[in-house]
Protein backbone atom coordinates (compact mmCIF):
# COMPACT_ATOMS: atom_id res chain seq x y z
CA MET A 1 0.00 0.00 0.00
CA LYS A 2 2.89 2.35 0.78
CA GLY A 3 4.21 1.92 -2.79
CA VAL A 4 0.87 3.06 -4.21
CA TRP A 5 1.05 6.30 -2.22
CA ILE A 6 4.61 6.91 -3.40
CA VAL A 7 3.55 6.47 -7.03
CA PHE A 8 0.51 8.71 -6.46
CA ALA A 9 2.69 11.41 -4.86
CA PHE A 10 5.17 11.22 -7.73
CA ILE A 11 2.44 11.56 -10.35
CA PHE A 12 0.92 14.48 -8.43
CA LEU A 13 4.28 16.30 -8.29
CA VAL A 14 4.86 15.79 -12.01
CA LEU A 15 1.42 17.18 -12.83
CA VAL A 16 1.78 20.17 -10.52
CA SER A 17 5.25 21.06 -11.80
CA GLY A 18 3.99 20.84 -15.37
CA CYS A 19 1.16 23.26 -14.59
CA VAL A 20 3.54 25.74 -12.98
CA GLN A 21 5.91 25.60 -15.96
CA GLN A 22 3.02 26.00 -18.39
CA ASP A 23 1.71 29.01 -16.44
CA ARG A 24 5.18 30.64 -16.48
CA GLN A 25 5.42 30.12 -20.23
CA SER A 26 2.00 31.62 -20.80
CA ILE A 27 2.95 34.69 -18.74
CA GLN A 28 6.16 35.05 -20.77
CA GLU A 29 4.22 34.77 -24.03
CA ARG A 30 1.71 37.34 -22.77
CA ALA A 31 4.55 39.72 -21.83
CA LYS A 32 6.13 39.23 -25.26
CA THR A 33 2.86 39.90 -27.10
CA LYS A 34 2.00 42.92 -24.93
CA CYS A 35 5.51 44.37 -25.40
CA ILE A 36 5.35 44.09 -29.17
CA ASP A 37 1.85 45.60 -29.18
CA LEU A 38 2.92 48.44 -26.89
CA CYS A 39 5.96 49.14 -29.05
CA GLU A 40 3.80 49.30 -32.17
CA LYS A 41 1.30 51.58 -30.43
CA TYR A 42 3.94 54.18 -29.50
CA LYS A 43 6.16 53.84 -32.58
CA GLY A 44 6.47 57.32 -34.06
CA VAL A 45 5.19 58.88 -30.83
CA MET A 46 8.16 57.88 -28.68
CA ASP A 47 11.78 58.17 -29.79
CA TYR A 48 13.20 54.64 -29.79
CA ALA A 49 16.74 55.67 -30.84
CA ASN A 50 18.12 55.46 -27.29
CA GLY A 51 16.40 52.19 -26.47
CA PRO A 52 13.95 53.47 -23.84
CA CYS A 53 11.82 51.50 -21.44
CA ILE A 54 8.25 51.64 -22.72
CA SER A 55 6.46 49.95 -19.83
CA ASP A 56 7.47 52.30 -16.97
CA ASN A 57 4.54 54.47 -15.88
CA ASN A 58 2.45 53.12 -18.74
CA LEU A 59 -1.17 52.33 -17.95
CA ASP A 60 -1.28 49.95 -20.93
CA TRP A 61 1.28 47.66 -19.24
CA ASP A 62 -0.27 45.16 -16.83
CA VAL A 63 2.08 42.18 -16.82
CA GLU A 64 3.18 41.79 -13.21
CA ASP A 65 6.90 41.19 -12.61
CA TRP A 66 7.77 41.99 -16.26
CA VAL A 67 8.93 45.11 -18.09
CA CYS A 68 9.16 46.03 -21.76
CA ASP A 69 12.33 47.64 -23.09
CA VAL A 70 13.47 48.78 -26.51
CA ALA A 71 17.06 47.77 -27.30
CA HIS A 72 19.24 47.26 -30.34
CA SER A 73 20.34 44.01 -31.89
CA PRO A 74 23.27 43.84 -31.83
CA ARG A 75 23.31 45.69 -28.53
CA GLU A 76 24.68 49.25 -28.50
CA ASN A 77 26.29 51.18 -25.63
CA VAL A 78 23.18 53.35 -25.33
CA ASP A 79 21.20 50.22 -24.33
CA ASN A 80 23.34 49.81 -21.21
CA LEU A 81 22.74 53.32 -19.84
CA PRO A 82 20.59 53.24 -16.70
CA GLU A 83 18.37 56.07 -17.94
CA ASN A 84 17.36 53.90 -20.90
CA GLN A 85 16.46 50.87 -18.79
CA CYS A 86 13.24 50.15 -16.96
CA ILE A 87 13.17 51.59 -13.46
CA ALA A 88 11.04 48.73 -12.14
CA PHE A 89 13.67 46.22 -13.28
CA ARG A 90 16.59 48.25 -11.94
CA ASN A 91 14.86 48.66 -8.56
CA GLY A 92 14.04 44.97 -8.31
CA GLU A 93 10.28 45.52 -8.52
CA ALA A 94 10.20 43.44 -11.72
CA HIS A 95 12.37 40.38 -12.26
CA HIS A 96 11.81 39.70 -15.96
CA PHE A 97 12.06 41.72 -19.14
CA VAL A 98 11.13 41.59 -22.79
CA GLU A 99 13.33 43.38 -25.31
CA VAL A 100 12.19 44.50 -28.73
CA ASP A 101 14.19 46.44 -31.29
CA PRO A 102 13.22 49.93 -32.54
CA ASN A 103 11.13 48.24 -35.27
CA CYS A 104 9.22 46.33 -32.57
CA GLU A 105 10.77 43.01 -33.52
CA PHE A 106 11.21 40.59 -30.61
CA ILE A 107 14.79 40.21 -29.32
CA LYS A 108 14.48 38.19 -26.13
CA ALA A 109 12.53 37.54 -22.93
CA VAL A 110 14.30 36.74 -19.69
């Protein structure tokens, strides 16, 4: 009988860990989609030349623990300047970021 409980516990842990991983991936995909959409919305309105953060103080951004940042690919020195990075990420309020280039093309999500 003890072996049955061990198998049941193992199966339960596998299922739960799969759900957590799937949820994390869906949040990352949502952040990616929202970042691209936000970039497109403000293209031509905001100057993307310096690789600004476009999610700071933006009411259109609602992805908790994520920020959206414009950067260059390949990366340029201007992308590493603190004033061009998201304050929420620098302050540790957000732990993940999505980067898009000035044409709103996806670079990476971390």
